[in-house]
Amino acid sequence: MERVSAHAIGTPLITNSDGTKFGKSEGNAIWLNPEMTSPYAFYQFWVNTDDADVIARLKVFTFLGRDEIERLERAVADEPFRREAQKRLALEATSLVHGEAATQAAIDAS
């Protein structure tokens, strides 16, 4: 309308395996600010990821390579009770946001 360039970026909505939106309006929000979500609660949030959602979360919220994510996907299929993928997601996401010391403290408290 004003004949100037404009740029936008869009990303797909992140959803849970049941089709519901992943986000604060659905009551499943976490915050990066440790005063709003402690590193322990942040870690626990990721550990409690449903088996059906964990691989998608690893792809979006970590920098793990394809081979490692595929290995974790097999682990979810073969031994879901170990929750290896969830623990790795929690480790990676919490370390990225809160650092290794706070992550180790959350693991120790768990």
PDB file of N, CA and C in Angstrom:
ATOM      1  N   MET A   1       0.821  -1.187   0.000  1.00  0.00           N
ATOM      2  CA  MET A   1       0.000   0.000   0.000  1.00  0.00           C
ATOM      3  C   MET A   1       0.869   1.256   0.000  1.00  0.00           C
ATOM      4  N   GLU A   2       1.960   1.184   0.748  1.00  0.00           N
ATOM      5  CA  GLU A   2       2.839   2.345   0.812  1.00  0.00           C
ATOM      6  C   GLU A   2       4.046   2.193  -0.095  1.00  0.00           C
ATOM      7  N   ARG A   3       4.094   1.107  -0.858  1.00  0.00           N
ATOM      8  CA  ARG A   3       5.142   0.838  -1.828  1.00  0.00           C
ATOM      9  C   ARG A   3       6.546   0.794  -1.212  1.00  0.00           C
ATOM     10  N   VAL A   4       6.636   0.161  -0.029  1.00  0.00           N
ATOM     11  CA  VAL A   4       7.916  -0.073   0.611  1.00  0.00           C
ATOM     12  C   VAL A   4       8.059  -1.579   0.834  1.00  0.00           C
ATOM     13  N   SER A   5       9.283  -2.019   0.896  1.00  0.00           N
ATOM     14  CA  SER A   5       9.520  -3.440   1.139  1.00  0.00           C
ATOM     15  C   SER A   5       9.223  -3.782   2.591  1.00  0.00           C
ATOM     16  N   ALA A   6       8.678  -4.943   2.770  1.00  0.00           N
ATOM     17  CA  ALA A   6       8.434  -5.471   4.117  1.00  0.00           C
ATOM     18  C   ALA A   6       8.780  -6.949   4.096  1.00  0.00           C
ATOM     19  N   HIS A   7       9.263  -7.433   5.204  1.00  0.00           N
ATOM     20  CA  HIS A   7       9.640  -8.840   5.310  1.00  0.00           C
ATOM     21  C   HIS A   7       8.940  -9.446   6.515  1.00  0.00           C
ATOM     22  N   ALA A   8       8.617 -10.706   6.404  1.00  0.00           N
ATOM     23  CA  ALA A   8       7.989 -11.429   7.512  1.00  0.00           C
ATOM     24  C   ALA A   8       8.542 -12.841   7.535  1.00  0.00           C
ATOM     25  N   ILE A   9       8.473 -13.429   8.686  1.00  0.00           N
ATOM     26  CA  ILE A   9       8.878 -14.820   8.822  1.00  0.00           C
ATOM     27  C   ILE A   9       7.749 -15.536   9.549  1.00  0.00           C
ATOM     28  N   GLY A  10       7.483 -16.718   9.139  1.00  0.00           N
ATOM     29  CA  GLY A  10       6.455 -17.510   9.792  1.00  0.00           C
ATOM     30  C   GLY A  10       6.977 -18.899  10.089  1.00  0.00           C
ATOM     31  N   THR A  11       6.475 -19.477  11.128  1.00  0.00           N
ATOM     32  CA  THR A  11       6.847 -20.840  11.484  1.00  0.00           C
ATOM     33  C   THR A  11       5.576 -21.627  11.753  1.00  0.00           C
ATOM     34  N   PRO A  12       5.628 -22.909  11.543  1.00  0.00           N
ATOM     35  CA  PRO A  12       4.445 -23.713  11.844  1.00  0.00           C
ATOM     36  C   PRO A  12       4.131 -23.664  13.344  1.00  0.00           C
ATOM     37  N   LEU A  13       2.871 -23.760  13.664  1.00  0.00           N
ATOM     38  CA  LEU A  13       2.437 -23.833  15.051  1.00  0.00           C
ATOM     39  C   LEU A  13       2.919 -25.153  15.641  1.00  0.00           C
ATOM     40  N   ILE A  14       3.438 -25.101  16.833  1.00  0.00           N
ATOM     41  CA  ILE A  14       3.866 -26.326  17.498  1.00  0.00           C
ATOM     42  C   ILE A  14       2.655 -26.908  18.206  1.00  0.00           C
ATOM     43  N   THR A  15       2.370 -28.167  17.905  1.00  0.00           N
ATOM     44  CA  THR A  15       1.222 -28.829  18.510  1.00  0.00           C
ATOM     45  C   THR A  15       1.661 -30.119  19.207  1.00  0.00           C
ATOM     46  N   ASN A  16       0.801 -30.572  20.088  1.00  0.00           N
ATOM     47  CA  ASN A  16       1.005 -31.866  20.736  1.00  0.00           C
ATOM     48  C   ASN A  16       0.471 -32.955  19.826  1.00  0.00           C
ATOM     49  N   SER A  17       0.798 -34.185  20.134  1.00  0.00           N
ATOM     50  CA  SER A  17       0.367 -35.306  19.291  1.00  0.00           C
ATOM     51  C   SER A  17      -1.144 -35.425  19.209  1.00  0.00           C
ATOM     52  N   ASP A  18      -1.861 -34.890  20.186  1.00  0.00           N
ATOM     53  CA  ASP A  18      -3.327 -34.938  20.147  1.00  0.00           C
ATOM     54  C   ASP A  18      -3.930 -33.777  19.366  1.00  0.00           C
ATOM     55  N   GLY A  19      -3.081 -32.920  18.797  1.00  0.00           N
ATOM     56  CA  GLY A  19      -3.541 -31.813  17.978  1.00  0.00           C
ATOM     57  C   GLY A  19      -3.720 -30.507  18.724  1.00  0.00           C
ATOM     58  N   THR A  20      -3.621 -30.516  20.040  1.00  0.00           N
ATOM     59  CA  THR A  20      -3.756 -29.276  20.793  1.00  0.00           C
ATOM     60  C   THR A  20      -2.495 -28.437  20.662  1.00  0.00           C
ATOM     61  N   LYS A  21      -2.686 -27.135  20.816  1.00  0.00           N
ATOM     62  CA  LYS A  21      -1.580 -26.198  20.693  1.00  0.00           C
ATOM     63  C   LYS A  21      -0.636 -26.329  21.882  1.00  0.00           C
ATOM     64  N   PHE A  22       0.645 -26.248  21.612  1.00  0.00           N
ATOM     65  CA  PHE A  22       1.680 -26.241  22.641  1.00  0.00           C
ATOM     66  C   PHE A  22       1.932 -24.791  22.987  1.00  0.00           C
ATOM     67  N   GLY A  23       1.510 -24.351  24.162  1.00  0.00           N
ATOM     68  CA  GLY A  23       1.733 -22.964  24.523  1.00  0.00           C
ATOM     69  C   GLY A  23       0.963 -22.543  25.750  1.00  0.00           C
ATOM     70  N   LYS A  24       1.167 -21.284  26.138  1.00  0.00           N
ATOM     71  CA  LYS A  24       0.602 -20.809  27.390  1.00  0.00           C
ATOM     72  C   LYS A  24      -0.909 -20.743  27.400  1.00  0.00           C
ATOM     73  N   SER A  25      -1.548 -20.504  26.277  1.00  0.00           N
ATOM     74  CA  SER A  25      -3.007 -20.444  26.279  1.00  0.00           C
ATOM     75  C   SER A  25      -3.635 -21.806  26.531  1.00  0.00           C
ATOM     76  N   GLU A  26      -2.844 -22.864  26.372  1.00  0.00           N
ATOM     77  CA  GLU A  26      -3.325 -24.216  26.649  1.00  0.00           C
ATOM     78  C   GLU A  26      -2.941 -24.661  28.058  1.00  0.00           C
ATOM     79  N   GLY A  27      -2.300 -23.780  28.822  1.00  0.00           N
ATOM     80  CA  GLY A  27      -1.939 -24.095  30.194  1.00  0.00           C
ATOM     81  C   GLY A  27      -0.672 -24.921  30.331  1.00  0.00           C
ATOM     82  N   ASN A  28       0.111 -25.030  29.263  1.00  0.00           N
ATOM     83  CA  ASN A  28       1.338 -25.827  29.341  1.00  0.00           C
ATOM     84  C   ASN A  28       2.563 -24.988  29.014  1.00  0.00           C
ATOM     85  N   ALA A  29       2.576 -23.771  29.560  1.00  0.00           N
ATOM     86  CA  ALA A  29       3.683 -22.864  29.272  1.00  0.00           C
ATOM     87  C   ALA A  29       4.792 -23.009  30.308  1.00  0.00           C
ATOM     88  N   ILE A  30       5.973 -22.800  29.840  1.00  0.00           N
ATOM     89  CA  ILE A  30       7.123 -22.638  30.719  1.00  0.00           C
ATOM     90  C   ILE A  30       7.785 -21.338  30.310  1.00  0.00           C
ATOM     91  N   TRP A  31       8.532 -20.781  31.219  1.00  0.00           N
ATOM     92  CA  TRP A  31       9.170 -19.494  30.966  1.00  0.00           C
ATOM     93  C   TRP A  31      10.680 -19.660  31.017  1.00  0.00           C
ATOM     94  N   LEU A  32      11.371 -18.852  30.253  1.00  0.00           N
ATOM     95  CA  LEU A  32      12.825 -18.866  30.259  1.00  0.00           C
ATOM     96  C   LEU A  32      13.383 -18.173  31.493  1.00  0.00           C
ATOM     97  N   ASN A  33      12.635 -17.244  32.050  1.00  0.00           N
ATOM     98  CA  ASN A  33      13.042 -16.501  33.230  1.00  0.00           C
ATOM     99  C   ASN A  33      12.976 -17.420  34.455  1.00  0.00           C
ATOM    100  N   PRO A  34      14.099 -17.626  35.152  1.00  0.00           N
ATOM    101  CA  PRO A  34      14.090 -18.542  36.295  1.00  0.00           C
ATOM    102  C   PRO A  34      13.226 -18.058  37.460  1.00  0.00           C
ATOM    103  N   GLU A  35      12.845 -16.792  37.461  1.00  0.00           N
ATOM    104  CA  GLU A  35      11.930 -16.309  38.496  1.00  0.00           C
ATOM    105  C   GLU A  35      10.493 -16.733  38.209  1.00  0.00           C
ATOM    106  N   MET A  36      10.208 -17.078  36.964  1.00  0.00           N
ATOM    107  CA  MET A  36       8.857 -17.499  36.586  1.00  0.00           C
ATOM    108  C   MET A  36       8.754 -19.024  36.476  1.00  0.00           C
ATOM    109  N   THR A  37       9.827 -19.672  36.057  1.00  0.00           N
ATOM    110  CA  THR A  37       9.924 -21.134  36.040  1.00  0.00           C
ATOM    111  C   THR A  37      11.327 -21.476  36.498  1.00  0.00           C
ATOM    112  N   SER A  38      11.427 -22.088  37.658  1.00  0.00           N
ATOM    113  CA  SER A  38      12.752 -22.423  38.199  1.00  0.00           C
ATOM    114  C   SER A  38      13.442 -23.424  37.274  1.00  0.00           C
ATOM    115  N   PRO A  39      14.768 -23.486  37.310  1.00  0.00           N
ATOM    116  CA  PRO A  39      15.464 -24.491  36.508  1.00  0.00           C
ATOM    117  C   PRO A  39      14.982 -25.913  36.810  1.00  0.00           C
ATOM    118  N   TYR A  40      14.661 -26.205  38.071  1.00  0.00           N
ATOM    119  CA  TYR A  40      14.139 -27.525  38.419  1.00  0.00           C
ATOM    120  C   TYR A  40      12.798 -27.781  37.726  1.00  0.00           C
ATOM    121  N   ALA A  41      11.873 -26.824  37.818  1.00  0.00           N
ATOM    122  CA  ALA A  41      10.560 -26.988  37.176  1.00  0.00           C
ATOM    123  C   ALA A  41      10.706 -27.052  35.658  1.00  0.00           C
ATOM    124  N   PHE A  42      11.647 -26.284  35.121  1.00  0.00           N
ATOM    125  CA  PHE A  42      11.916 -26.296  33.686  1.00  0.00           C
ATOM    126  C   PHE A  42      12.373 -27.693  33.261  1.00  0.00           C
ATOM    127  N   TYR A  43      13.316 -28.244  34.010  1.00  0.00           N
ATOM    128  CA  TYR A  43      13.829 -29.585  33.729  1.00  0.00           C
ATOM    129  C   TYR A  43      12.693 -30.614  33.816  1.00  0.00           C
ATOM    130  N   GLN A  44      11.905 -30.541  34.873  1.00  0.00           N
ATOM    131  CA  GLN A  44      10.810 -31.490  35.061  1.00  0.00           C
ATOM    132  C   GLN A  44       9.767 -31.391  33.951  1.00  0.00           C
ATOM    133  N   PHE A  45       9.525 -30.191  33.472  1.00  0.00           N
ATOM    134  CA  PHE A  45       8.582 -30.007  32.369  1.00  0.00           C
ATOM    135  C   PHE A  45       8.988 -30.869  31.174  1.00  0.00           C
ATOM    136  N   TRP A  46      10.264 -30.822  30.817  1.00  0.00           N
ATOM    137  CA  TRP A  46      10.746 -31.578  29.656  1.00  0.00           C
ATOM    138  C   TRP A  46      10.810 -33.075  29.942  1.00  0.00           C
ATOM    139  N   VAL A  47      11.184 -33.460  31.157  1.00  0.00           N
ATOM    140  CA  VAL A  47      11.217 -34.878  31.513  1.00  0.00           C
ATOM    141  C   VAL A  47       9.821 -35.495  31.402  1.00  0.00           C
ATOM    142  N   ASN A  48       8.810 -34.713  31.661  1.00  0.00           N
ATOM    143  CA  ASN A  48       7.429 -35.206  31.629  1.00  0.00           C
ATOM    144  C   ASN A  48       6.790 -35.149  30.245  1.00  0.00           C
ATOM    145  N   THR A  49       7.567 -34.903  29.218  1.00  0.00           N
ATOM    146  CA  THR A  49       7.044 -34.897  27.852  1.00  0.00           C
ATOM    147  C   THR A  49       6.510 -36.278  27.499  1.00  0.00           C
ATOM    148  N   ASP A  50       5.352 -36.299  26.884  1.00  0.00           N
ATOM    149  CA  ASP A  50       4.728 -37.552  26.462  1.00  0.00           C
ATOM    150  C   ASP A  50       5.598 -38.258  25.421  1.00  0.00           C
ATOM    151  N   ASP A  51       5.590 -39.595  25.462  1.00  0.00           N
ATOM    152  CA  ASP A  51       6.351 -40.376  24.478  1.00  0.00           C
ATOM    153  C   ASP A  51       5.997 -39.980  23.046  1.00  0.00           C
ATOM    154  N   ALA A  52       4.729 -39.690  22.807  1.00  0.00           N
ATOM    155  CA  ALA A  52       4.279 -39.364  21.457  1.00  0.00           C
ATOM    156  C   ALA A  52       4.791 -38.007  20.977  1.00  0.00           C
ATOM    157  N   ASP A  53       5.251 -37.159  21.899  1.00  0.00           N
ATOM    158  CA  ASP A  53       5.693 -35.805  21.543  1.00  0.00           C
ATOM    159  C   ASP A  53       7.200 -35.589  21.634  1.00  0.00           C
ATOM    160  N   VAL A  54       7.908 -36.490  22.315  1.00  0.00           N
ATOM    161  CA  VAL A  54       9.298 -36.202  22.665  1.00  0.00           C
ATOM    162  C   VAL A  54      10.219 -36.070  21.452  1.00  0.00           C
ATOM    163  N   ILE A  55      10.041 -36.872  20.432  1.00  0.00           N
ATOM    164  CA  ILE A  55      10.941 -36.790  19.276  1.00  0.00           C
ATOM    165  C   ILE A  55      10.748 -35.466  18.539  1.00  0.00           C
ATOM    166  N   ALA A  56       9.515 -35.050  18.383  1.00  0.00           N
ATOM    167  CA  ALA A  56       9.254 -33.749  17.742  1.00  0.00           C
ATOM    168  C   ALA A  56       9.871 -32.618  18.560  1.00  0.00           C
ATOM    169  N   ARG A  57       9.804 -32.718  19.890  1.00  0.00           N
ATOM    170  CA  ARG A  57      10.399 -31.682  20.747  1.00  0.00           C
ATOM    171  C   ARG A  57      11.927 -31.668  20.630  1.00  0.00           C
ATOM    172  N   LEU A  58      12.531 -32.845  20.531  1.00  0.00           N
ATOM    173  CA  LEU A  58      13.984 -32.901  20.341  1.00  0.00           C
ATOM    174  C   LEU A  58      14.389 -32.206  19.047  1.00  0.00           C
ATOM    175  N   LYS A  59      13.599 -32.379  18.007  1.00  0.00           N
ATOM    176  CA  LYS A  59      13.910 -31.767  16.710  1.00  0.00           C
ATOM    177  C   LYS A  59      13.787 -30.252  16.751  1.00  0.00           C
ATOM    178  N   VAL A  60      12.857 -29.742  17.532  1.00  0.00           N
ATOM    179  CA  VAL A  60      12.600 -28.303  17.563  1.00  0.00           C
ATOM    180  C   VAL A  60      13.443 -27.582  18.612  1.00  0.00           C
ATOM    181  N   PHE A  61      13.591 -28.188  19.778  1.00  0.00           N
ATOM    182  CA  PHE A  61      14.163 -27.471  20.913  1.00  0.00           C
ATOM    183  C   PHE A  61      15.591 -27.849  21.272  1.00  0.00           C
ATOM    184  N   THR A  62      16.249 -28.680  20.461  1.00  0.00           N
ATOM    185  CA  THR A  62      17.655 -29.006  20.716  1.00  0.00           C
ATOM    186  C   THR A  62      18.457 -28.874  19.425  1.00  0.00           C
ATOM    187  N   PHE A  63      19.754 -28.967  19.563  1.00  0.00           N
ATOM    188  CA  PHE A  63      20.652 -28.942  18.416  1.00  0.00           C
ATOM    189  C   PHE A  63      21.232 -30.328  18.141  1.00  0.00           C
ATOM    190  N   LEU A  64      20.558 -31.369  18.611  1.00  0.00           N
ATOM    191  CA  LEU A  64      21.041 -32.733  18.380  1.00  0.00           C
ATOM    192  C   LEU A  64      20.979 -33.071  16.896  1.00  0.00           C
ATOM    193  N   GLY A  65      21.900 -33.900  16.474  1.00  0.00           N
ATOM    194  CA  GLY A  65      21.947 -34.324  15.082  1.00  0.00           C
ATOM    195  C   GLY A  65      20.901 -35.388  14.771  1.00  0.00           C
ATOM    196  N   ARG A  66      20.669 -35.587  13.511  1.00  0.00           N
ATOM    197  CA  ARG A  66      19.678 -36.547  13.045  1.00  0.00           C
ATOM    198  C   ARG A  66      19.939 -37.958  13.568  1.00  0.00           C
ATOM    199  N   ASP A  67      21.193 -38.395  13.533  1.00  0.00           N
ATOM    200  CA  ASP A  67      21.529 -39.748  13.985  1.00  0.00           C
ATOM    201  C   ASP A  67      21.168 -39.956  15.456  1.00  0.00           C
ATOM    202  N   GLU A  68      21.488 -38.977  16.277  1.00  0.00           N
ATOM    203  CA  GLU A  68      21.189 -39.094  17.703  1.00  0.00           C
ATOM    204  C   GLU A  68      19.678 -39.079  17.956  1.00  0.00           C
ATOM    205  N   ILE A  69      18.956 -38.229  17.262  1.00  0.00           N
ATOM    206  CA  ILE A  69      17.504 -38.197  17.427  1.00  0.00           C
ATOM    207  C   ILE A  69      16.883 -39.506  16.962  1.00  0.00           C
ATOM    208  N   GLU A  70      17.380 -40.066  15.880  1.00  0.00           N
ATOM    209  CA  GLU A  70      16.876 -41.365  15.418  1.00  0.00           C
ATOM    210  C   GLU A  70      17.175 -42.466  16.426  1.00  0.00           C
ATOM    211  N   ARG A  71      18.348 -42.406  17.052  1.00  0.00           N
ATOM    212  CA  ARG A  71      18.685 -43.383  18.088  1.00  0.00           C
ATOM    213  C   ARG A  71      17.723 -43.257  19.267  1.00  0.00           C
ATOM    214  N   LEU A  72      17.453 -42.026  19.670  1.00  0.00           N
ATOM    215  CA  LEU A  72      16.523 -41.796  20.774  1.00  0.00           C
ATOM    216  C   LEU A  72      15.101 -42.219  20.405  1.00  0.00           C
ATOM    217  N   GLU A  73      14.740 -42.061  19.157  1.00  0.00           N
ATOM    218  CA  GLU A  73      13.421 -42.511  18.705  1.00  0.00           C
ATOM    219  C   GLU A  73      13.300 -44.033  18.851  1.00  0.00           C
ATOM    220  N   ARG A  74      14.361 -44.740  18.498  1.00  0.00           N
ATOM    221  CA  ARG A  74      14.361 -46.196  18.685  1.00  0.00           C
ATOM    222  C   ARG A  74      14.274 -46.552  20.167  1.00  0.00           C
ATOM    223  N   ALA A  75      14.947 -45.785  20.997  1.00  0.00           N
ATOM    224  CA  ALA A  75      14.907 -46.038  22.438  1.00  0.00           C
ATOM    225  C   ALA A  75      13.487 -45.856  22.991  1.00  0.00           C
ATOM    226  N   VAL A  76      12.783 -44.857  22.501  1.00  0.00           N
ATOM    227  CA  VAL A  76      11.394 -44.643  22.927  1.00  0.00           C
ATOM    228  C   VAL A  76      10.539 -45.833  22.511  1.00  0.00           C
ATOM    229  N   ALA A  77      10.756 -46.326  21.311  1.00  0.00           N
ATOM    230  CA  ALA A  77       9.975 -47.467  20.817  1.00  0.00           C
ATOM    231  C   ALA A  77      10.317 -48.756  21.557  1.00  0.00           C
ATOM    232  N   ASP A  78      11.597 -48.987  21.827  1.00  0.00           N
ATOM    233  CA  ASP A  78      12.045 -50.251  22.407  1.00  0.00           C
ATOM    234  C   ASP A  78      11.956 -50.300  23.927  1.00  0.00           C
ATOM    235  N   GLU A  79      12.283 -49.187  24.579  1.00  0.00           N
ATOM    236  CA  GLU A  79      12.315 -49.149  26.042  1.00  0.00           C
ATOM    237  C   GLU A  79      11.756 -47.833  26.576  1.00  0.00           C
ATOM    238  N   PRO A  80      10.477 -47.578  26.349  1.00  0.00           N
ATOM    239  CA  PRO A  80       9.906 -46.286  26.759  1.00  0.00           C
ATOM    240  C   PRO A  80       9.990 -46.030  28.267  1.00  0.00           C
ATOM    241  N   PHE A  81      10.020 -47.096  29.055  1.00  0.00           N
ATOM    242  CA  PHE A  81      10.073 -46.962  30.510  1.00  0.00           C
ATOM    243  C   PHE A  81      11.361 -46.297  30.986  1.00  0.00           C
ATOM    244  N   ARG A  82      12.412 -46.328  30.173  1.00  0.00           N
ATOM    245  CA  ARG A  82      13.681 -45.681  30.558  1.00  0.00           C
ATOM    246  C   ARG A  82      13.625 -44.166  30.411  1.00  0.00           C
ATOM    247  N   ARG A  83      12.729 -43.679  29.582  1.00  0.00           N
ATOM    248  CA  ARG A  83      12.542 -42.236  29.344  1.00  0.00           C
ATOM    249  C   ARG A  83      13.847 -41.550  28.927  1.00  0.00           C
ATOM    250  N   GLU A  84      14.677 -42.286  28.176  1.00  0.00           N
ATOM    251  CA  GLU A  84      15.969 -41.760  27.753  1.00  0.00           C
ATOM    252  C   GLU A  84      15.817 -40.499  26.912  1.00  0.00           C
ATOM    253  N   ALA A  85      14.866 -40.490  26.001  1.00  0.00           N
ATOM    254  CA  ALA A  85      14.677 -39.319  25.136  1.00  0.00           C
ATOM    255  C   ALA A  85      14.215 -38.118  25.952  1.00  0.00           C
ATOM    256  N   GLN A  86      13.321 -38.341  26.902  1.00  0.00           N
ATOM    257  CA  GLN A  86      12.851 -37.238  27.736  1.00  0.00           C
ATOM    258  C   GLN A  86      13.977 -36.674  28.595  1.00  0.00           C
ATOM    259  N   LYS A  87      14.793 -37.552  29.144  1.00  0.00           N
ATOM    260  CA  LYS A  87      15.914 -37.084  29.965  1.00  0.00           C
ATOM    261  C   LYS A  87      16.914 -36.295  29.132  1.00  0.00           C
ATOM    262  N   ARG A  88      17.131 -36.731  27.903  1.00  0.00           N
ATOM    263  CA  ARG A  88      18.064 -36.012  27.025  1.00  0.00           C
ATOM    264  C   ARG A  88      17.480 -34.663  26.622  1.00  0.00           C
ATOM    265  N   LEU A  89      16.183 -34.638  26.314  1.00  0.00           N
ATOM    266  CA  LEU A  89      15.506 -33.376  25.995  1.00  0.00           C
ATOM    267  C   LEU A  89      15.620 -32.412  27.167  1.00  0.00           C
ATOM    268  N   ALA A  90      15.349 -32.899  28.361  1.00  0.00           N
ATOM    269  CA  ALA A  90      15.427 -32.052  29.545  1.00  0.00           C
ATOM    270  C   ALA A  90      16.852 -31.535  29.764  1.00  0.00           C
ATOM    271  N   LEU A  91      17.828 -32.415  29.593  1.00  0.00           N
ATOM    272  CA  LEU A  91      19.231 -32.017  29.740  1.00  0.00           C
ATOM    273  C   LEU A  91      19.604 -30.932  28.736  1.00  0.00           C
ATOM    274  N   GLU A  92      19.287 -31.170  27.479  1.00  0.00           N
ATOM    275  CA  GLU A  92      19.667 -30.229  26.421  1.00  0.00           C
ATOM    276  C   GLU A  92      18.959 -28.882  26.573  1.00  0.00           C
ATOM    277  N   ALA A  93      17.659 -28.907  26.770  1.00  0.00           N
ATOM    278  CA  ALA A  93      16.890 -27.657  26.850  1.00  0.00           C
ATOM    279  C   ALA A  93      17.257 -26.864  28.099  1.00  0.00           C
ATOM    280  N   THR A  94      17.376 -27.538  29.224  1.00  0.00           N
ATOM    281  CA  THR A  94      17.690 -26.834  30.469  1.00  0.00           C
ATOM    282  C   THR A  94      19.115 -26.284  30.440  1.00  0.00           C
ATOM    283  N   SER A  95      20.049 -27.051  29.896  1.00  0.00           N
ATOM    284  CA  SER A  95      21.425 -26.561  29.783  1.00  0.00           C
ATOM    285  C   SER A  95      21.499 -25.338  28.888  1.00  0.00           C
ATOM    286  N   LEU A  96      20.757 -25.358  27.811  1.00  0.00           N
ATOM    287  CA  LEU A  96      20.750 -24.231  26.875  1.00  0.00           C
ATOM    288  C   LEU A  96      20.219 -22.964  27.542  1.00  0.00           C
ATOM    289  N   VAL A  97      19.176 -23.108  28.312  1.00  0.00           N
ATOM    290  CA  VAL A  97      18.519 -21.940  28.910  1.00  0.00           C
ATOM    291  C   VAL A  97      19.159 -21.528  30.236  1.00  0.00           C
ATOM    292  N   HIS A  98      19.477 -22.485  31.093  1.00  0.00           N
ATOM    293  CA  HIS A  98      19.907 -22.164  32.455  1.00  0.00           C
ATOM    294  C   HIS A  98      21.362 -22.493  32.752  1.00  0.00           C
ATOM    295  N   GLY A  99      22.050 -23.168  31.834  1.00  0.00           N
ATOM    296  CA  GLY A  99      23.448 -23.514  32.055  1.00  0.00           C
ATOM    297  C   GLY A  99      23.608 -24.886  32.675  1.00  0.00           C
ATOM    298  N   GLU A 100      24.822 -25.385  32.577  1.00  0.00           N
ATOM    299  CA  GLU A 100      25.104 -26.746  33.029  1.00  0.00           C
ATOM    300  C   GLU A 100      25.006 -26.909  34.541  1.00  0.00           C
ATOM    301  N   ALA A 101      25.427 -25.922  35.314  1.00  0.00           N
ATOM    302  CA  ALA A 101      25.387 -26.045  36.778  1.00  0.00           C
ATOM    303  C   ALA A 101      23.947 -26.137  37.282  1.00  0.00           C
ATOM    304  N   ALA A 102      23.077 -25.280  36.785  1.00  0.00           N
ATOM    305  CA  ALA A 102      21.672 -25.310  37.205  1.00  0.00           C
ATOM    306  C   ALA A 102      21.008 -26.610  36.734  1.00  0.00           C
ATOM    307  N   THR A 103      21.397 -27.084  35.572  1.00  0.00           N
ATOM    308  CA  THR A 103      20.851 -28.348  35.066  1.00  0.00           C
ATOM    309  C   THR A 103      21.282 -29.504  35.948  1.00  0.00           C
ATOM    310  N   GLN A 104      22.549 -29.552  36.307  1.00  0.00           N
ATOM    311  CA  GLN A 104      23.027 -30.629  37.174  1.00  0.00           C
ATOM    312  C   GLN A 104      22.345 -30.571  38.530  1.00  0.00           C
ATOM    313  N   ALA A 105      22.109 -29.370  39.048  1.00  0.00           N
ATOM    314  CA  ALA A 105      21.390 -29.230  40.320  1.00  0.00           C
ATOM    315  C   ALA A 105      19.969 -29.768  40.194  1.00  0.00           C
ATOM    316  N   ALA A 106      19.320 -29.512  39.074  1.00  0.00           N
ATOM    317  CA  ALA A 106      17.965 -30.030  38.843  1.00  0.00           C
ATOM    318  C   ALA A 106      17.972 -31.547  38.750  1.00  0.00           C
ATOM    319  N   ILE A 107      18.967 -32.095  38.075  1.00  0.00           N
ATOM    320  CA  ILE A 107      19.095 -33.561  37.969  1.00  0.00           C
ATOM    321  C   ILE A 107      19.326 -34.160  39.352  1.00  0.00           C
ATOM    322  N   ASP A 108      20.219 -33.558  40.113  1.00  0.00           N
ATOM    323  CA  ASP A 108      20.525 -34.059  41.458  1.00  0.00           C
ATOM    324  C   ASP A 108      19.289 -34.011  42.361  1.00  0.00           C
ATOM    325  N   ALA A 109      18.502 -32.955  42.234  1.00  0.00           N
ATOM    326  CA  ALA A 109      17.283 -32.817  43.046  1.00  0.00           C
ATOM    327  C   ALA A 109      16.209 -33.791  42.611  1.00  0.00           C
ATOM    328  N   SER A 110      16.297 -34.228  41.364  1.00  0.00           N
ATOM    329  CA  SER A 110      15.295 -35.164  40.847  1.00  0.00           C
ATOM    330  C   SER A 110      15.525 -36.543  41.399  1.00  0.00           C
TER     331      SER A 110
END
